[in-house]
Protein backbone atom coordinates (compact mmCIF):
# COMPACT_ATOMS: atom_id res chain seq x y z
CA MET A 1 0.00 0.00 0.00
CA LYS A 2 1.00 3.60 -0.57
CA ILE A 3 0.82 5.30 2.81
CA ALA A 4 1.25 9.00 3.58
CA PHE A 5 2.50 9.73 7.10
CA PHE A 6 1.73 13.14 8.57
CA SER A 7 3.27 14.94 11.56
CA SER A 8 6.23 12.62 11.13
CA GLN A 9 9.40 12.94 13.15
CA PRO A 10 12.79 11.27 12.60
CA TYR A 11 11.93 8.59 15.16
CA ASP A 12 8.72 7.75 13.27
CA GLU A 13 10.73 7.16 10.12
CA GLN A 14 13.29 5.07 11.98
CA PHE A 15 10.82 2.67 13.57
CA PHE A 16 8.37 2.40 10.68
CA ILE A 17 11.05 1.88 8.04
CA GLN A 18 12.67 -0.79 10.23
CA HIS A 19 9.46 -2.74 10.79
CA ASN A 20 8.13 -2.22 7.27
CA ALA A 21 11.06 -4.19 5.84
CA THR A 22 8.99 -7.39 5.89
CA GLU A 23 5.71 -5.72 4.89
CA GLY A 24 6.73 -3.93 1.71
CA HIS A 25 4.45 -0.90 2.00
CA GLU A 26 5.47 2.30 0.19
CA LEU A 27 5.91 4.89 2.93
CA THR A 28 6.13 8.66 2.46
CA PHE A 29 6.77 10.89 5.45
CA PHE A 30 5.47 14.45 5.70
CA PRO A 31 6.57 16.50 8.72
CA ALA A 32 3.55 18.74 8.19
CA GLN A 33 0.33 18.36 10.13
CA LEU A 34 -2.59 16.95 8.16
CA ASN A 35 -5.26 19.63 7.85
CA ASN A 36 -7.28 21.38 5.15
CA LEU A 37 -4.15 23.12 3.84
CA THR A 38 -2.06 19.95 3.48
CA ALA A 39 -4.76 17.44 2.55
CA HIS A 40 -3.84 17.85 -1.14
CA LEU A 41 -0.64 15.88 -0.37
CA THR A 42 -2.73 12.71 -0.04
CA GLN A 43 -3.30 12.57 -3.81
CA GLY A 44 -2.14 9.19 -5.09
CA TYR A 45 -2.10 7.41 -1.74
CA GLU A 46 -4.36 4.65 -0.41
CA ALA A 47 -3.94 5.35 3.31
CA VAL A 48 -2.92 8.09 5.70
CA CYS A 49 -1.13 7.51 8.98
CA VAL A 50 -1.70 10.30 11.50
CA PHE A 51 -0.91 11.30 15.06
CA VAL A 52 -2.65 13.12 17.91
CA ASN A 53 -2.58 16.66 16.52
CA ASP A 54 -3.52 15.96 12.91
CA VAL A 55 -6.90 17.42 11.99
CA LEU A 56 -9.35 15.03 10.36
CA ASN A 57 -12.56 17.03 10.38
CA GLU A 58 -15.36 16.74 7.84
CA GLU A 59 -13.64 19.06 5.36
CA VAL A 60 -10.35 17.18 5.44
CA ILE A 61 -12.05 13.78 5.19
CA LYS A 62 -14.00 14.89 2.12
CA ILE A 63 -10.75 15.99 0.48
CA VAL A 64 -8.81 12.80 1.23
CA ALA A 65 -11.76 10.62 0.26
CA GLY A 66 -11.80 12.39 -3.09
CA HIS A 67 -8.14 11.48 -3.47
CA GLY A 68 -8.87 7.79 -2.96
CA ILE A 69 -7.90 7.37 0.68
CA LYS A 70 -9.59 4.25 2.02
CA VAL A 71 -8.20 3.99 5.55
CA ILE A 72 -7.03 6.33 8.30
CA ALA A 73 -4.43 4.69 10.53
CA LEU A 74 -3.94 6.44 13.86
CA ARG A 75 -0.57 5.69 15.40
CA CYS A 76 -1.98 6.49 18.83
CA ALA A 77 -4.83 5.40 21.09
CA GLY A 78 -6.95 8.55 21.07
CA PHE A 79 -9.25 9.35 18.16
CA ASN A 80 -10.96 12.56 19.26
CA ASN A 81 -9.30 14.41 16.34
CA VAL A 82 -11.20 12.31 13.77
CA ASP A 83 -14.75 13.01 12.63
CA LEU A 84 -15.90 9.40 12.70
CA LYS A 85 -19.29 10.20 11.23
CA ALA A 86 -17.70 11.91 8.22
CA ALA A 87 -15.29 9.00 7.78
CA ALA A 88 -18.13 6.48 7.87
CA THR A 89 -20.12 8.53 5.35
CA ALA A 90 -17.09 8.64 3.05
CA GLY A 91 -16.54 4.89 3.39
CA ILE A 92 -13.17 5.35 5.06
CA LYS A 93 -12.11 2.89 7.74
CA VAL A 94 -10.43 4.20 10.90
CA VAL A 95 -8.00 2.07 12.89
CA ARG A 96 -5.85 2.88 15.91
CA VAL A 97 -3.27 1.52 18.34
CA PRO A 98 -5.40 0.95 21.47
CA ALA A 99 -2.48 0.05 23.74
CA TYR A 100 1.16 0.44 22.80
CA SER A 101 2.94 0.67 26.15
CA PRO A 102 0.70 1.68 29.02
CA HIS A 103 3.76 1.49 31.25
CA ALA A 104 5.49 4.24 29.26
CA VAL A 105 2.75 6.79 29.94
CA ALA A 106 2.12 5.61 33.50
CA GLU A 107 5.80 5.83 34.38
CA HIS A 108 6.02 9.32 32.88
CA ALA A 109 3.08 10.38 35.03
CA VAL A 110 4.94 9.11 38.09
CA ALA A 111 8.10 10.90 36.96
CA LEU A 112 6.15 14.15 36.66
CA LEU A 113 4.66 13.67 40.12
CA LEU A 114 8.01 12.92 41.74
CA THR A 115 9.71 15.83 40.01
CA LEU A 116 6.91 18.21 40.91
CA ASN A 117 6.91 17.08 44.54
CA ARG A 118 10.64 16.70 45.27
CA LYS A 119 11.74 19.49 42.88
CA THR A 120 14.60 17.46 41.45
CA HIS A 121 14.67 19.65 38.34
CA LYS A 122 15.42 22.69 40.50
CA ALA A 123 17.97 20.79 42.60
CA TYR A 124 19.76 19.67 39.43
CA ASN A 125 20.11 23.25 38.21
CA ARG A 126 21.24 24.48 41.64
CA VAL A 127 23.96 21.89 42.04
CA ARG A 128 25.32 22.62 38.56
CA GLU A 129 25.83 26.18 39.82
CA SER A 130 27.53 24.83 42.98
CA ASP A 131 24.49 25.77 45.06
CA PHE A 132 23.88 22.92 47.49
CA SER A 133 21.26 24.65 49.62
CA LEU A 134 17.94 22.96 50.35
CA ASN A 135 15.70 25.95 51.01
CA GLY A 136 12.63 25.83 48.78
CA LEU A 137 13.06 22.18 47.83
CA MET A 138 10.87 20.59 50.50
CA GLY A 139 8.35 17.99 49.33
CA PHE A 140 6.11 15.48 51.07
CA ASP A 141 5.97 11.71 51.49
CA LEU A 142 3.79 9.96 48.94
CA TYR A 143 3.33 7.17 51.49
CA LYS A 144 -0.31 6.97 52.64
CA LYS A 145 -1.39 9.90 50.48
CA LYS A 146 -4.76 9.57 48.76
CA VAL A 147 -4.25 9.31 45.01
CA GLY A 148 -7.29 9.70 42.78
CA VAL A 149 -7.02 7.85 39.49
CA ILE A 150 -9.54 9.02 36.91
CA GLY A 151 -9.86 6.27 34.31
CA THR A 152 -8.70 2.70 34.97
CA GLY A 153 -7.92 1.52 31.47
CA GLU A 154 -4.52 -0.02 30.83
CA ILE A 155 -2.58 3.18 31.55
CA GLY A 156 -4.61 4.02 34.62
CA ARG A 157 -4.13 0.49 35.97
CA ALA A 158 -0.38 0.63 35.37
CA PHE A 159 -0.23 3.97 37.20
CA LEU A 160 -2.27 2.86 40.20
CA ASN A 161 -0.13 -0.27 40.55
CA ILE A 162 2.93 1.96 40.93
CA MET A 163 1.12 4.15 43.44
CA LEU A 164 0.15 1.08 45.46
CA GLY A 165 3.84 0.21 45.51
CA PHE A 166 4.54 3.59 47.09
CA GLY A 167 2.06 2.74 49.84
CA CYS A 168 -0.57 5.22 48.66
CA GLU A 169 -4.29 4.85 49.16
CA VAL A 170 -5.74 4.72 45.65
CA LEU A 171 -9.24 6.05 44.96
CA ALA A 172 -10.52 5.02 41.54
CA TYR A 173 -13.18 6.44 39.29
CA ASP A 174 -14.33 4.91 36.04
CA PRO A 175 -17.85 4.46 34.61
CA PHE A 176 -16.86 0.84 34.03
CA PRO A 177 -15.17 -0.58 37.16
CA ASN A 178 -12.46 -3.15 36.54
CA LYS A 179 -12.48 -6.40 38.54
CA GLU A 180 -8.68 -6.64 38.31
CA VAL A 181 -8.43 -3.28 40.05
CA GLU A 182 -10.93 -4.26 42.74
CA ALA A 183 -9.03 -7.50 43.35
CA LYS A 184 -6.05 -5.38 44.42
CA GLY A 185 -8.17 -3.83 47.16
CA VAL A 186 -8.73 -0.57 45.31
CA LYS A 187 -12.20 0.87 45.78
CA TYR A 188 -14.21 2.73 43.17
CA TYR A 189 -15.94 5.94 44.17
CA SER A 190 -18.10 8.50 42.43
CA LEU A 191 -16.23 11.24 40.58
CA GLN A 192 -17.34 13.78 43.18
CA GLU A 193 -15.99 11.63 46.02
CA VAL A 194 -12.63 11.21 44.32
CA LEU A 195 -12.33 14.92 43.62
CA ALA A 196 -13.15 15.76 47.24
CA GLN A 197 -10.82 13.25 48.90
CA ALA A 198 -7.72 13.08 46.72
CA ASP A 199 -4.41 14.68 47.67
CA ILE A 200 -3.19 13.87 44.16
CA LEU A 201 -5.27 13.47 40.98
CA SER A 202 -3.97 11.70 37.90
CA LEU A 203 -6.01 11.80 34.70
CA HIS A 204 -6.03 8.71 32.47
CA CYS A 205 -9.45 8.91 30.82
CA PRO A 206 -10.26 9.48 27.14
CA LEU A 207 -11.48 12.85 25.92
CA THR A 208 -15.23 12.75 25.35
CA GLU A 209 -18.00 15.28 25.70
CA SER A 210 -18.54 14.10 29.26
CA THR A 211 -14.86 14.42 30.24
CA ARG A 212 -14.06 17.69 28.47
CA TYR A 213 -12.95 20.22 31.09
CA LEU A 214 -13.18 17.63 33.82
CA ILE A 215 -10.88 19.97 35.72
CA SER A 216 -12.59 23.36 35.78
CA GLU A 217 -13.49 26.15 38.14
CA GLN A 218 -16.50 24.14 39.33
CA SER A 219 -14.63 20.89 39.99
CA LEU A 220 -11.63 22.66 41.53
CA ALA A 221 -13.94 24.22 44.11
CA LYS A 222 -14.72 20.69 45.36
CA MET A 223 -11.06 19.66 45.77
CA LYS A 224 -8.71 19.86 48.71
CA GLN A 225 -6.62 22.98 49.12
CA GLY A 226 -3.17 22.26 47.66
CA VAL A 227 -4.21 19.31 45.48
CA TYR A 228 -1.65 18.04 42.98
CA ILE A 229 -2.96 17.39 39.44
CA ILE A 230 -1.18 15.25 36.85
CA ASN A 231 -2.48 15.06 33.26
CA THR A 232 -0.99 12.63 30.76
CA GLY A 233 -4.34 11.98 29.08
CA ARG A 234 -5.66 14.66 26.74
CA GLY A 235 -5.18 18.41 27.00
CA ALA A 236 -8.86 19.35 27.01
CA LEU A 237 -9.50 17.30 30.14
CA ILE A 238 -8.29 20.47 31.85
CA ASN A 239 -9.56 24.00 31.44
CA SER A 240 -6.13 25.63 31.51
CA LYS A 241 -7.46 29.13 32.16
CA ASP A 242 -9.26 27.86 35.26
CA THR A 243 -6.09 26.18 36.51
CA ILE A 244 -4.32 29.54 36.44
CA ALA A 245 -6.89 30.86 38.92
CA GLY A 246 -6.53 27.66 40.94
CA LEU A 247 -2.76 28.03 41.10
CA LYS A 248 -3.00 31.67 42.14
CA SER A 249 -5.44 30.86 44.96
CA GLY A 250 -3.40 27.88 46.16
CA ARG A 251 -6.23 25.43 45.50
CA ILE A 252 -3.79 23.69 43.16
CA GLY A 253 -0.55 22.95 44.98
CA GLY A 254 1.16 21.56 41.91
CA LEU A 255 0.30 20.95 38.28
CA ALA A 256 2.08 18.68 35.80
CA MET A 257 0.92 18.30 32.22
CA ASP A 258 2.27 16.25 29.34
CA VAL A 259 -0.64 17.40 27.17
CA TYR A 260 -2.23 20.76 26.45
CA GLU A 261 -5.46 21.73 24.74
CA GLN A 262 -3.74 23.94 22.15
CA GLU A 263 -0.66 21.75 21.83
CA ASP A 264 -1.02 21.27 18.07
CA LYS A 265 0.49 24.74 17.60
CA LEU A 266 3.37 24.06 19.97
CA PHE A 267 4.35 20.49 20.70
CA PHE A 268 6.82 18.45 18.63
CA HIS A 269 8.43 21.66 17.32
CA ASP A 270 11.53 23.62 18.36
CA LEU A 271 10.20 27.09 19.08
CA SER A 272 13.16 28.20 21.20
CA GLY A 273 13.96 31.05 18.84
CA GLN A 274 10.40 32.30 18.59
CA ILE A 275 7.94 34.26 20.69
CA ILE A 276 5.18 32.01 22.04
CA MET A 277 1.88 33.63 21.12
CA ASP A 278 -0.20 31.41 23.41
CA ASP A 279 -0.75 33.54 26.52
CA VAL A 280 -2.23 30.71 28.57
CA ILE A 281 0.73 28.33 28.37
CA SER A 282 3.10 31.27 28.72
CA ARG A 283 1.40 32.19 31.99
CA LEU A 284 1.44 28.59 33.21
CA LEU A 285 5.17 28.40 32.61
CA THR A 286 5.73 31.28 35.04
CA PHE A 287 4.51 29.27 38.03
CA PRO A 288 7.24 27.55 40.04
CA ASN A 289 4.88 24.66 40.86
CA VAL A 290 3.99 23.82 37.25
CA ILE A 291 5.82 21.32 35.04
CA ILE A 292 4.96 20.91 31.37
CA THR A 293 6.46 18.34 29.02
CA GLY A 294 5.76 18.19 25.31
CA HIS A 295 3.64 15.03 24.98
CA GLN A 296 6.54 12.68 25.59
CA GLY A 297 4.77 10.19 27.83
CA PHE A 298 4.62 7.63 25.01
CA PHE A 299 8.25 8.18 24.05
CA THR A 300 10.05 4.92 24.83
CA SER A 301 11.65 2.45 22.44
CA GLU A 302 9.20 -0.23 23.53
CA ALA A 303 6.20 2.00 22.83
CA LEU A 304 7.47 3.16 19.44
CA THR A 305 8.14 -0.44 18.44
CA GLN A 306 4.61 -1.46 19.40
CA ILE A 307 3.09 1.55 17.64
CA ALA A 308 4.87 0.65 14.41
CA LEU A 309 4.03 -3.05 14.61
CA VAL A 310 0.33 -2.57 15.42
CA THR A 311 -0.15 0.21 12.86
CA LEU A 312 1.45 -1.85 10.10
CA ALA A 313 -0.59 -4.89 11.16
CA ASN A 314 -3.77 -2.79 10.98
CA LEU A 315 -2.90 -1.68 7.46
CA LYS A 316 -2.01 -5.23 6.41
CA ALA A 317 -5.36 -6.50 7.70
CA PHE A 318 -7.15 -3.79 5.73
CA LYS A 319 -5.22 -4.60 2.57
CA ASN A 320 -6.02 -8.30 2.91
CA GLY A 321 -9.70 -7.70 3.62
CA GLU A 322 -9.42 -9.17 7.11
CA ILE A 323 -11.39 -8.22 10.22
CA LEU A 324 -10.03 -4.96 11.65
CA LYS A 325 -9.77 -5.72 15.37
CA ASN A 326 -8.57 -2.20 16.12
CA GLU A 327 -11.22 -0.40 14.06
CA VAL A 328 -12.91 2.66 15.53
CA VAL A 329 -16.58 2.66 14.51
CA PHE A 330 -18.94 5.62 14.54
CA LYS A 331 -21.86 5.04 16.94
């Protein structure tokens, strides 16, 4: 198959070329984001392979369908950037990678929490300047803290297992409780109960209409003063403007994000020589108790290997007319 990759990075090319050696697909890599301005590049291809910030709205899908695209292969788990109804209408199949390495994202969430709490990033910079003082670096024990885990899919389960290892009390929320989680002694609570009790909240749920702005002015008002919030899910789970108010009031004691609602204009690009025009993220970066990483939670060799293998397997199944076990269907 002739496949056009969008939002490609050097590591995408490395892993996909390596694992395509036995598949024989014709791969073309475009660093540009797929949107209405770049959709013309799909002319002559049978499939597009896209990532989290590519835009596949109704307009784009109509364009690529007109060019003969038959399948959209997401090299990620989330699919909120795809208009599934438009794809179904156009007769385009949508497939994804439902689980590449849940441990990669879960471990990054833990790394963010530990860094935010124990301020190791600040200590590192101090020591490099021969400043060995400890003032301002105090954290707290994670042991016996109440950790709210929102979403207990594979990533959420991997994260809560680590938190149990730290001796934390895990409070879980998910519309669909998992028996494996309950077998570990973790109790499920209502969302309101988790928000009210948690010392630390970690978001691992998909972005849907019901979870959009899960963290907002209204929900923050129900949380403990000084709550720590970790988001490695999707940017729009958090209303970033409301978190600024929460940080200023002290309601939020620490905030760590690997995702951001407007990240498509920022993440995966070197903007070090430019002025950031996004006032919200610029303001967030001024807080000493905020850590932001550029959507790197997935970024391990194991995860990239799995992403390449599953994506190529999805495309092979489509080519061979087989059942698409990782298809995303409009409902």
